[in-house]
Amino acid sequence: MFDVERERKYNSHFKSYMNYSDLRKKILEINNDLTICYSLKLELVDFYSKSTIDNAKVNLENLIRSCIDTNIEEMIAFSNNLINWKQEIINSFTIVGTEYKVEADKGQVVICNKKVNNAIIENRNKIIKCIKNNANGYTNWLRFRNRVMYVLDPNAIFSLEPKEK
């Protein structure tokens, strides 16, 4: 995305031709705090991509220290969040299995470790919210519950006739 060689398009705000790399450079020049925050963002990405269950605690403490040392109000608030959820963040580096991914550029199959996350629960919550929004609200709790159970259960069988006992 931030490829320096990417095609430049006219930016009416800066009145010049720019690509995303140029735009990022211009934005970071606006304020030194933005540059510091951007470098912390890169440090956070490195933390999540390179940490393991063994070194996550030390790396997280270093990240928290880096955030506090900036003396930027938002980064201190973020570091407080990291402190409050420290054990959960460290636990998220637990390996629960492996998965196979195909690299888009090379086409090779790569085996990756799968870490603990709450993606499935978040997905289920979103599905439930979509059901509720599409129906413009339910007045009958049992009907809503049944609809949710039907949508979330991939093995549900629909029948117009009642089941025989």
N, C-alpha and C. Protein backbone atom coordinates (compact mmCIF):
# COMPACT_ATOMS: atom_id res chain seq x y z
N MET A 1 0.82 -1.19 0.00
CA MET A 1 0.00 0.00 0.00
C MET A 1 0.86 1.26 0.00
N PHE A 2 1.95 1.25 0.77
CA PHE A 2 2.80 2.42 0.85
C PHE A 2 4.01 2.29 -0.08
N ASP A 3 3.80 1.68 -1.23
CA ASP A 3 4.86 1.50 -2.21
C ASP A 3 5.25 2.86 -2.79
N VAL A 4 6.53 3.16 -2.75
CA VAL A 4 7.03 4.45 -3.23
C VAL A 4 6.83 4.59 -4.74
N GLU A 5 6.84 3.47 -5.46
CA GLU A 5 6.72 3.48 -6.91
C GLU A 5 5.27 3.49 -7.40
N ARG A 6 4.33 3.44 -6.49
CA ARG A 6 2.92 3.40 -6.88
C ARG A 6 2.53 4.67 -7.65
N GLU A 7 1.56 4.53 -8.53
CA GLU A 7 1.11 5.65 -9.36
C GLU A 7 0.64 6.82 -8.49
N ARG A 8 1.02 8.01 -8.88
CA ARG A 8 0.63 9.21 -8.14
C ARG A 8 -0.65 9.80 -8.75
N LYS A 9 -1.56 10.23 -7.87
CA LYS A 9 -2.81 10.85 -8.29
C LYS A 9 -2.88 12.24 -7.68
N TYR A 10 -3.67 13.09 -8.33
CA TYR A 10 -3.75 14.47 -7.86
C TYR A 10 -4.50 14.54 -6.54
N ASN A 11 -3.90 15.22 -5.55
CA ASN A 11 -4.51 15.44 -4.25
C ASN A 11 -4.89 16.91 -4.18
N SER A 12 -6.20 17.18 -4.13
CA SER A 12 -6.66 18.57 -4.18
C SER A 12 -6.30 19.34 -2.92
N HIS A 13 -6.17 18.68 -1.78
CA HIS A 13 -5.81 19.38 -0.55
C HIS A 13 -4.38 19.90 -0.61
N PHE A 14 -3.45 19.05 -1.02
CA PHE A 14 -2.05 19.44 -1.10
C PHE A 14 -1.68 20.05 -2.46
N LYS A 15 -2.63 20.02 -3.40
CA LYS A 15 -2.45 20.59 -4.74
C LYS A 15 -1.18 20.05 -5.42
N SER A 16 -1.04 18.74 -5.36
CA SER A 16 0.10 18.10 -6.03
C SER A 16 -0.24 16.63 -6.27
N TYR A 17 0.57 16.00 -7.11
CA TYR A 17 0.40 14.58 -7.38
C TYR A 17 1.13 13.79 -6.29
N MET A 18 0.39 12.85 -5.68
CA MET A 18 0.95 12.08 -4.57
C MET A 18 0.44 10.64 -4.62
N ASN A 19 1.25 9.73 -4.06
CA ASN A 19 0.76 8.39 -3.79
C ASN A 19 0.65 8.25 -2.27
N TYR A 20 0.26 7.07 -1.81
CA TYR A 20 0.04 6.89 -0.38
C TYR A 20 1.32 7.10 0.43
N SER A 21 2.45 6.73 -0.12
CA SER A 21 3.72 6.92 0.58
C SER A 21 4.00 8.41 0.79
N ASP A 22 3.79 9.19 -0.26
CA ASP A 22 4.00 10.64 -0.16
C ASP A 22 3.03 11.26 0.84
N LEU A 23 1.80 10.79 0.80
CA LEU A 23 0.77 11.31 1.70
C LEU A 23 1.13 11.00 3.15
N ARG A 24 1.56 9.79 3.41
CA ARG A 24 1.97 9.44 4.78
C ARG A 24 3.12 10.32 5.24
N LYS A 25 4.08 10.54 4.37
CA LYS A 25 5.23 11.38 4.72
C LYS A 25 4.78 12.80 5.06
N LYS A 26 3.87 13.36 4.25
CA LYS A 26 3.35 14.72 4.49
C LYS A 26 2.60 14.79 5.82
N ILE A 27 1.76 13.79 6.08
CA ILE A 27 0.97 13.79 7.31
C ILE A 27 1.87 13.70 8.54
N LEU A 28 2.89 12.86 8.47
CA LEU A 28 3.79 12.70 9.61
C LEU A 28 4.63 13.95 9.85
N GLU A 29 4.80 14.78 8.83
CA GLU A 29 5.54 16.04 8.99
C GLU A 29 4.73 17.11 9.71
N ILE A 30 3.41 16.92 9.79
CA ILE A 30 2.54 17.93 10.40
C ILE A 30 2.89 18.14 11.87
N ASN A 31 3.11 17.03 12.59
CA ASN A 31 3.32 17.12 14.02
C ASN A 31 4.26 16.00 14.44
N ASN A 32 5.19 16.31 15.32
CA ASN A 32 6.14 15.31 15.80
C ASN A 32 5.44 14.19 16.57
N ASP A 33 4.34 14.51 17.26
CA ASP A 33 3.60 13.50 18.00
C ASP A 33 3.03 12.43 17.06
N LEU A 34 2.63 12.83 15.86
CA LEU A 34 2.14 11.86 14.88
C LEU A 34 3.23 10.87 14.49
N THR A 35 4.44 11.37 14.32
CA THR A 35 5.57 10.51 13.97
C THR A 35 5.85 9.52 15.09
N ILE A 36 5.80 10.00 16.33
CA ILE A 36 6.04 9.13 17.48
C ILE A 36 4.95 8.06 17.57
N CYS A 37 3.70 8.47 17.40
CA CYS A 37 2.58 7.52 17.46
C CYS A 37 2.66 6.50 16.33
N TYR A 38 3.07 6.94 15.15
CA TYR A 38 3.19 6.01 14.03
C TYR A 38 4.29 4.97 14.31
N SER A 39 5.39 5.41 14.89
CA SER A 39 6.47 4.46 15.21
C SER A 39 6.00 3.47 16.29
N LEU A 40 5.18 3.95 17.24
CA LEU A 40 4.62 3.04 18.25
C LEU A 40 3.65 2.05 17.62
N LYS A 41 2.92 2.51 16.62
CA LYS A 41 2.01 1.60 15.90
C LYS A 41 2.80 0.49 15.23
N LEU A 42 3.93 0.84 14.62
CA LEU A 42 4.78 -0.16 13.99
C LEU A 42 5.37 -1.11 15.04
N GLU A 43 5.69 -0.56 16.22
CA GLU A 43 6.20 -1.39 17.31
C GLU A 43 5.12 -2.37 17.79
N LEU A 44 3.87 -1.91 17.82
CA LEU A 44 2.76 -2.78 18.21
C LEU A 44 2.56 -3.91 17.20
N VAL A 45 2.65 -3.58 15.91
CA VAL A 45 2.53 -4.61 14.86
C VAL A 45 3.64 -5.64 15.01
N ASP A 46 4.87 -5.18 15.28
CA ASP A 46 5.99 -6.10 15.50
C ASP A 46 5.74 -6.98 16.72
N PHE A 47 5.20 -6.37 17.77
CA PHE A 47 4.91 -7.13 18.99
C PHE A 47 3.98 -8.30 18.68
N TYR A 48 2.89 -8.04 17.96
CA TYR A 48 1.93 -9.10 17.67
C TYR A 48 2.47 -10.11 16.66
N SER A 49 3.32 -9.70 15.75
CA SER A 49 3.78 -10.64 14.74
C SER A 49 4.98 -11.46 15.20
N LYS A 50 5.81 -10.92 16.11
CA LYS A 50 7.05 -11.60 16.47
C LYS A 50 7.06 -12.22 17.86
N SER A 51 6.10 -11.89 18.70
CA SER A 51 6.10 -12.41 20.06
C SER A 51 5.59 -13.84 20.11
N THR A 52 6.05 -14.56 21.12
CA THR A 52 5.58 -15.90 21.40
C THR A 52 5.11 -15.93 22.85
N ILE A 53 4.55 -17.04 23.27
CA ILE A 53 4.07 -17.16 24.65
C ILE A 53 5.23 -17.01 25.63
N ASP A 54 6.44 -17.37 25.20
CA ASP A 54 7.61 -17.30 26.08
C ASP A 54 8.11 -15.88 26.31
N ASN A 55 8.09 -15.05 25.26
CA ASN A 55 8.65 -13.70 25.40
C ASN A 55 7.59 -12.59 25.36
N ALA A 56 6.33 -12.96 25.34
CA ALA A 56 5.27 -11.94 25.22
C ALA A 56 5.24 -10.99 26.41
N LYS A 57 5.47 -11.51 27.61
CA LYS A 57 5.40 -10.67 28.81
C LYS A 57 6.47 -9.58 28.77
N VAL A 58 7.70 -9.95 28.45
CA VAL A 58 8.80 -8.98 28.38
C VAL A 58 8.54 -7.98 27.26
N ASN A 59 8.13 -8.46 26.09
CA ASN A 59 7.87 -7.57 24.96
C ASN A 59 6.72 -6.61 25.25
N LEU A 60 5.69 -7.10 25.93
CA LEU A 60 4.55 -6.25 26.27
C LEU A 60 4.96 -5.17 27.28
N GLU A 61 5.77 -5.54 28.25
CA GLU A 61 6.25 -4.54 29.22
C GLU A 61 7.10 -3.48 28.53
N ASN A 62 7.91 -3.87 27.56
CA ASN A 62 8.69 -2.90 26.79
C ASN A 62 7.78 -1.96 25.99
N LEU A 63 6.73 -2.53 25.40
CA LEU A 63 5.78 -1.72 24.64
C LEU A 63 5.06 -0.73 25.55
N ILE A 64 4.64 -1.19 26.72
CA ILE A 64 3.98 -0.31 27.68
C ILE A 64 4.91 0.81 28.10
N ARG A 65 6.16 0.47 28.38
CA ARG A 65 7.14 1.48 28.77
C ARG A 65 7.34 2.51 27.65
N SER A 66 7.39 2.03 26.42
CA SER A 66 7.55 2.95 25.28
C SER A 66 6.38 3.90 25.17
N CYS A 67 5.17 3.41 25.40
CA CYS A 67 3.98 4.26 25.33
C CYS A 67 3.98 5.32 26.43
N ILE A 68 4.36 4.90 27.63
CA ILE A 68 4.37 5.85 28.76
C ILE A 68 5.46 6.90 28.57
N ASP A 69 6.60 6.50 28.03
CA ASP A 69 7.73 7.42 27.85
C ASP A 69 7.45 8.54 26.85
N THR A 70 6.43 8.37 26.00
CA THR A 70 6.15 9.41 25.00
C THR A 70 5.54 10.66 25.62
N ASN A 71 4.90 10.51 26.78
CA ASN A 71 4.18 11.62 27.45
C ASN A 71 3.05 12.17 26.59
N ILE A 72 2.54 11.36 25.68
CA ILE A 72 1.37 11.74 24.88
C ILE A 72 0.15 11.15 25.57
N GLU A 73 -0.84 11.99 25.83
CA GLU A 73 -2.00 11.60 26.63
C GLU A 73 -2.68 10.34 26.10
N GLU A 74 -2.87 10.26 24.79
CA GLU A 74 -3.54 9.12 24.20
C GLU A 74 -2.73 7.83 24.33
N MET A 75 -1.42 7.95 24.23
CA MET A 75 -0.56 6.77 24.35
C MET A 75 -0.51 6.29 25.80
N ILE A 76 -0.57 7.20 26.75
CA ILE A 76 -0.62 6.81 28.16
C ILE A 76 -1.93 6.09 28.45
N ALA A 77 -3.03 6.58 27.88
CA ALA A 77 -4.33 5.91 28.05
C ALA A 77 -4.27 4.52 27.41
N PHE A 78 -3.64 4.41 26.26
CA PHE A 78 -3.50 3.11 25.59
C PHE A 78 -2.65 2.17 26.43
N SER A 79 -1.58 2.69 27.03
CA SER A 79 -0.73 1.84 27.88
C SER A 79 -1.50 1.36 29.10
N ASN A 80 -2.40 2.19 29.63
CA ASN A 80 -3.24 1.75 30.76
C ASN A 80 -4.15 0.59 30.33
N ASN A 81 -4.65 0.65 29.11
CA ASN A 81 -5.44 -0.46 28.57
C ASN A 81 -4.60 -1.73 28.49
N LEU A 82 -3.38 -1.58 28.02
CA LEU A 82 -2.49 -2.74 27.92
C LEU A 82 -2.19 -3.31 29.29
N ILE A 83 -2.03 -2.44 30.29
CA ILE A 83 -1.77 -2.89 31.65
C ILE A 83 -2.99 -3.64 32.19
N ASN A 84 -4.19 -3.09 31.97
CA ASN A 84 -5.41 -3.72 32.48
C ASN A 84 -5.66 -5.10 31.87
N TRP A 85 -5.27 -5.28 30.61
CA TRP A 85 -5.54 -6.54 29.91
C TRP A 85 -4.25 -7.34 29.68
N LYS A 86 -3.23 -7.09 30.48
CA LYS A 86 -1.91 -7.70 30.28
C LYS A 86 -1.98 -9.23 30.21
N GLN A 87 -2.60 -9.87 31.19
CA GLN A 87 -2.63 -11.33 31.23
C GLN A 87 -3.40 -11.90 30.03
N GLU A 88 -4.49 -11.26 29.66
CA GLU A 88 -5.27 -11.74 28.51
C GLU A 88 -4.47 -11.60 27.22
N ILE A 89 -3.72 -10.51 27.09
CA ILE A 89 -2.90 -10.30 25.89
C ILE A 89 -1.82 -11.37 25.82
N ILE A 90 -1.19 -11.64 26.94
CA ILE A 90 -0.14 -12.68 26.97
C ILE A 90 -0.74 -14.04 26.63
N ASN A 91 -1.92 -14.33 27.19
CA ASN A 91 -2.57 -15.62 26.92
C ASN A 91 -2.95 -15.77 25.44
N SER A 92 -3.14 -14.67 24.75
CA SER A 92 -3.54 -14.75 23.34
C SER A 92 -2.45 -15.32 22.44
N PHE A 93 -1.23 -15.47 22.97
CA PHE A 93 -0.14 -16.04 22.19
C PHE A 93 -0.04 -17.56 22.34
N THR A 94 -1.00 -18.14 23.06
CA THR A 94 -1.05 -19.60 23.20
C THR A 94 -1.39 -20.22 21.85
N ILE A 95 -0.63 -21.19 21.45
CA ILE A 95 -0.84 -21.87 20.17
C ILE A 95 -1.87 -22.97 20.37
N VAL A 96 -2.94 -22.94 19.58
CA VAL A 96 -4.01 -23.94 19.71
C VAL A 96 -4.07 -24.89 18.52
N GLY A 97 -3.25 -24.68 17.54
CA GLY A 97 -3.26 -25.56 16.38
C GLY A 97 -2.45 -24.98 15.24
N THR A 98 -2.57 -25.61 14.10
CA THR A 98 -1.89 -25.10 12.91
C THR A 98 -2.91 -24.90 11.80
N GLU A 99 -2.58 -24.01 10.90
CA GLU A 99 -3.43 -23.79 9.74
C GLU A 99 -2.54 -23.63 8.52
N TYR A 100 -3.11 -23.89 7.38
CA TYR A 100 -2.38 -23.83 6.12
C TYR A 100 -2.84 -22.60 5.35
N LYS A 101 -1.87 -21.80 4.91
CA LYS A 101 -2.18 -20.61 4.12
C LYS A 101 -1.39 -20.67 2.83
N VAL A 102 -1.97 -20.11 1.78
CA VAL A 102 -1.29 -20.03 0.50
C VAL A 102 -0.81 -18.60 0.32
N GLU A 103 0.50 -18.43 0.14
CA GLU A 103 1.06 -17.09 -0.08
C GLU A 103 0.61 -16.60 -1.45
N ALA A 104 0.06 -15.40 -1.47
CA ALA A 104 -0.51 -14.86 -2.71
C ALA A 104 0.56 -14.62 -3.77
N ASP A 105 1.71 -14.10 -3.37
CA ASP A 105 2.73 -13.75 -4.36
C ASP A 105 3.51 -14.97 -4.88
N LYS A 106 3.76 -15.97 -4.03
CA LYS A 106 4.55 -17.13 -4.44
C LYS A 106 3.71 -18.35 -4.76
N GLY A 107 2.51 -18.42 -4.21
CA GLY A 107 1.65 -19.57 -4.44
C GLY A 107 2.05 -20.80 -3.66
N GLN A 108 2.91 -20.63 -2.65
CA GLN A 108 3.35 -21.75 -1.84
C GLN A 108 2.46 -21.89 -0.61
N VAL A 109 2.30 -23.14 -0.18
CA VAL A 109 1.54 -23.42 1.02
C VAL A 109 2.47 -23.26 2.22
N VAL A 110 2.02 -22.48 3.21
CA VAL A 110 2.81 -22.23 4.41
C VAL A 110 2.01 -22.70 5.62
N ILE A 111 2.68 -23.39 6.53
CA ILE A 111 2.04 -23.83 7.76
C ILE A 111 2.25 -22.76 8.82
N CYS A 112 1.15 -22.25 9.39
CA CYS A 112 1.21 -21.20 10.40
C CYS A 112 0.61 -21.71 11.70
N ASN A 113 1.14 -21.21 12.81
CA ASN A 113 0.55 -21.52 14.10
C ASN A 113 -0.69 -20.68 14.30
N LYS A 114 -1.73 -21.30 14.82
CA LYS A 114 -2.99 -20.61 15.06
C LYS A 114 -3.06 -20.24 16.54
N LYS A 115 -3.25 -18.95 16.83
CA LYS A 115 -3.28 -18.46 18.20
C LYS A 115 -4.72 -18.32 18.68
N VAL A 116 -4.88 -18.24 19.98
CA VAL A 116 -6.19 -18.05 20.60
C VAL A 116 -6.72 -16.68 20.22
N ASN A 117 -8.00 -16.60 19.85
CA ASN A 117 -8.64 -15.30 19.62
C ASN A 117 -10.15 -15.44 19.82
N ASN A 118 -10.83 -14.33 19.79
CA ASN A 118 -12.28 -14.35 20.00
C ASN A 118 -13.04 -14.05 18.72
N ALA A 119 -12.46 -14.35 17.59
CA ALA A 119 -13.07 -14.03 16.31
C ALA A 119 -14.41 -14.74 16.11
N ILE A 120 -14.51 -15.98 16.54
CA ILE A 120 -15.76 -16.74 16.35
C ILE A 120 -16.89 -16.10 17.15
N ILE A 121 -16.60 -15.73 18.39
CA ILE A 121 -17.64 -15.10 19.23
C ILE A 121 -18.05 -13.75 18.65
N GLU A 122 -17.08 -12.97 18.19
CA GLU A 122 -17.40 -11.67 17.58
C GLU A 122 -18.28 -11.86 16.34
N ASN A 123 -17.96 -12.90 15.55
CA ASN A 123 -18.76 -13.19 14.37
C ASN A 123 -20.18 -13.56 14.74
N ARG A 124 -20.35 -14.39 15.76
CA ARG A 124 -21.68 -14.79 16.20
C ARG A 124 -22.47 -13.58 16.70
N ASN A 125 -21.82 -12.69 17.45
CA ASN A 125 -22.50 -11.47 17.93
C ASN A 125 -22.97 -10.62 16.76
N LYS A 126 -22.14 -10.51 15.72
CA LYS A 126 -22.52 -9.72 14.56
C LYS A 126 -23.71 -10.34 13.83
N ILE A 127 -23.71 -11.66 13.71
CA ILE A 127 -24.83 -12.34 13.06
C ILE A 127 -26.12 -12.09 13.82
N ILE A 128 -26.07 -12.17 15.15
CA ILE A 128 -27.26 -11.93 15.97
C ILE A 128 -27.76 -10.50 15.79
N LYS A 129 -26.83 -9.54 15.75
CA LYS A 129 -27.23 -8.14 15.54
C LYS A 129 -27.85 -7.95 14.16
N CYS A 130 -27.31 -8.63 13.15
CA CYS A 130 -27.88 -8.52 11.80
C CYS A 130 -29.28 -9.10 11.76
N ILE A 131 -29.51 -10.21 12.44
CA ILE A 131 -30.85 -10.81 12.48
C ILE A 131 -31.83 -9.82 13.10
N LYS A 132 -31.42 -9.23 14.21
CA LYS A 132 -32.28 -8.28 14.92
C LYS A 132 -32.56 -7.04 14.06
N ASN A 133 -31.53 -6.52 13.41
CA ASN A 133 -31.70 -5.32 12.57
C ASN A 133 -32.55 -5.60 11.33
N ASN A 134 -32.36 -6.75 10.71
CA ASN A 134 -33.13 -7.08 9.51
C ASN A 134 -34.60 -7.26 9.81
N ALA A 135 -34.92 -7.68 11.03
CA ALA A 135 -36.31 -7.90 11.40
C ALA A 135 -36.94 -6.65 11.99
N ASN A 136 -36.18 -5.58 12.11
CA ASN A 136 -36.65 -4.35 12.76
C ASN A 136 -37.13 -4.61 14.18
N GLY A 137 -36.46 -5.50 14.86
CA GLY A 137 -36.80 -5.82 16.24
C GLY A 137 -37.77 -6.98 16.33
N TYR A 138 -37.67 -7.75 17.37
CA TYR A 138 -38.58 -8.87 17.63
C TYR A 138 -39.40 -8.55 18.87
N THR A 139 -40.67 -8.85 18.83
CA THR A 139 -41.50 -8.68 20.02
C THR A 139 -41.69 -10.01 20.74
N ASN A 140 -41.45 -11.11 20.04
CA ASN A 140 -41.61 -12.43 20.61
C ASN A 140 -40.22 -13.02 20.86
N TRP A 141 -39.85 -13.16 22.15
CA TRP A 141 -38.52 -13.64 22.50
C TRP A 141 -38.26 -15.04 21.97
N LEU A 142 -39.22 -15.95 22.06
CA LEU A 142 -39.02 -17.32 21.59
C LEU A 142 -38.78 -17.39 20.09
N ARG A 143 -39.50 -16.55 19.35
CA ARG A 143 -39.31 -16.54 17.90
C ARG A 143 -37.90 -16.03 17.55
N PHE A 144 -37.47 -14.97 18.26
CA PHE A 144 -36.13 -14.43 18.04
C PHE A 144 -35.07 -15.48 18.38
N ARG A 145 -35.22 -16.13 19.53
CA ARG A 145 -34.28 -17.16 19.96
C ARG A 145 -34.22 -18.29 18.93
N ASN A 146 -35.38 -18.73 18.48
CA ASN A 146 -35.42 -19.82 17.50
C ASN A 146 -34.75 -19.42 16.20
N ARG A 147 -34.99 -18.19 15.77
CA ARG A 147 -34.36 -17.70 14.53
C ARG A 147 -32.84 -17.69 14.68
N VAL A 148 -32.34 -17.20 15.81
CA VAL A 148 -30.90 -17.16 16.04
C VAL A 148 -30.33 -18.57 16.07
N MET A 149 -30.98 -19.47 16.78
CA MET A 149 -30.49 -20.84 16.87
C MET A 149 -30.48 -21.50 15.49
N TYR A 150 -31.48 -21.22 14.67
CA TYR A 150 -31.55 -21.79 13.33
C TYR A 150 -30.42 -21.26 12.45
N VAL A 151 -30.18 -19.95 12.50
CA VAL A 151 -29.14 -19.35 11.66
C VAL A 151 -27.75 -19.79 12.10
N LEU A 152 -27.53 -19.89 13.40
CA LEU A 152 -26.20 -20.23 13.89
C LEU A 152 -25.88 -21.72 13.83
N ASP A 153 -26.88 -22.57 13.69
CA ASP A 153 -26.65 -24.01 13.63
C ASP A 153 -26.60 -24.47 12.18
N PRO A 154 -25.41 -24.81 11.68
CA PRO A 154 -25.31 -25.21 10.27
C PRO A 154 -25.98 -26.54 9.98
N ASN A 155 -26.28 -27.34 11.00
CA ASN A 155 -26.89 -28.65 10.80
C ASN A 155 -28.40 -28.65 11.01
N ALA A 156 -28.98 -27.46 11.16
CA ALA A 156 -30.43 -27.37 11.40
C ALA A 156 -31.18 -27.84 10.16
N ILE A 157 -32.24 -28.55 10.41
CA ILE A 157 -33.07 -29.06 9.32
C ILE A 157 -34.43 -28.38 9.42
N PHE A 158 -34.86 -27.80 8.31
CA PHE A 158 -36.13 -27.09 8.29
C PHE A 158 -37.22 -28.00 7.75
N SER A 159 -38.35 -28.02 8.43
CA SER A 159 -39.46 -28.84 7.99
C SER A 159 -40.76 -28.08 8.22
N LEU A 160 -41.71 -28.18 7.28
CA LEU A 160 -43.00 -27.53 7.45
C LEU A 160 -43.94 -28.37 8.31
N GLU A 161 -43.64 -29.65 8.42
CA GLU A 161 -44.46 -30.55 9.21
C GLU A 161 -43.81 -30.77 10.57
N PRO A 162 -44.61 -30.89 11.62
CA PRO A 162 -44.02 -31.18 12.93
C PRO A 162 -43.37 -32.55 12.95
N LYS A 163 -42.32 -32.71 13.76
CA LYS A 163 -41.63 -33.99 13.87
C LYS A 163 -42.51 -35.00 14.57
N GLU A 164 -42.45 -36.23 14.08
CA GLU A 164 -43.19 -37.30 14.74
C GLU A 164 -42.38 -37.82 15.89
N LYS A 165 -43.04 -38.14 16.98
CA LYS A 165 -42.32 -38.65 18.14
C LYS A 165 -42.22 -40.14 18.11
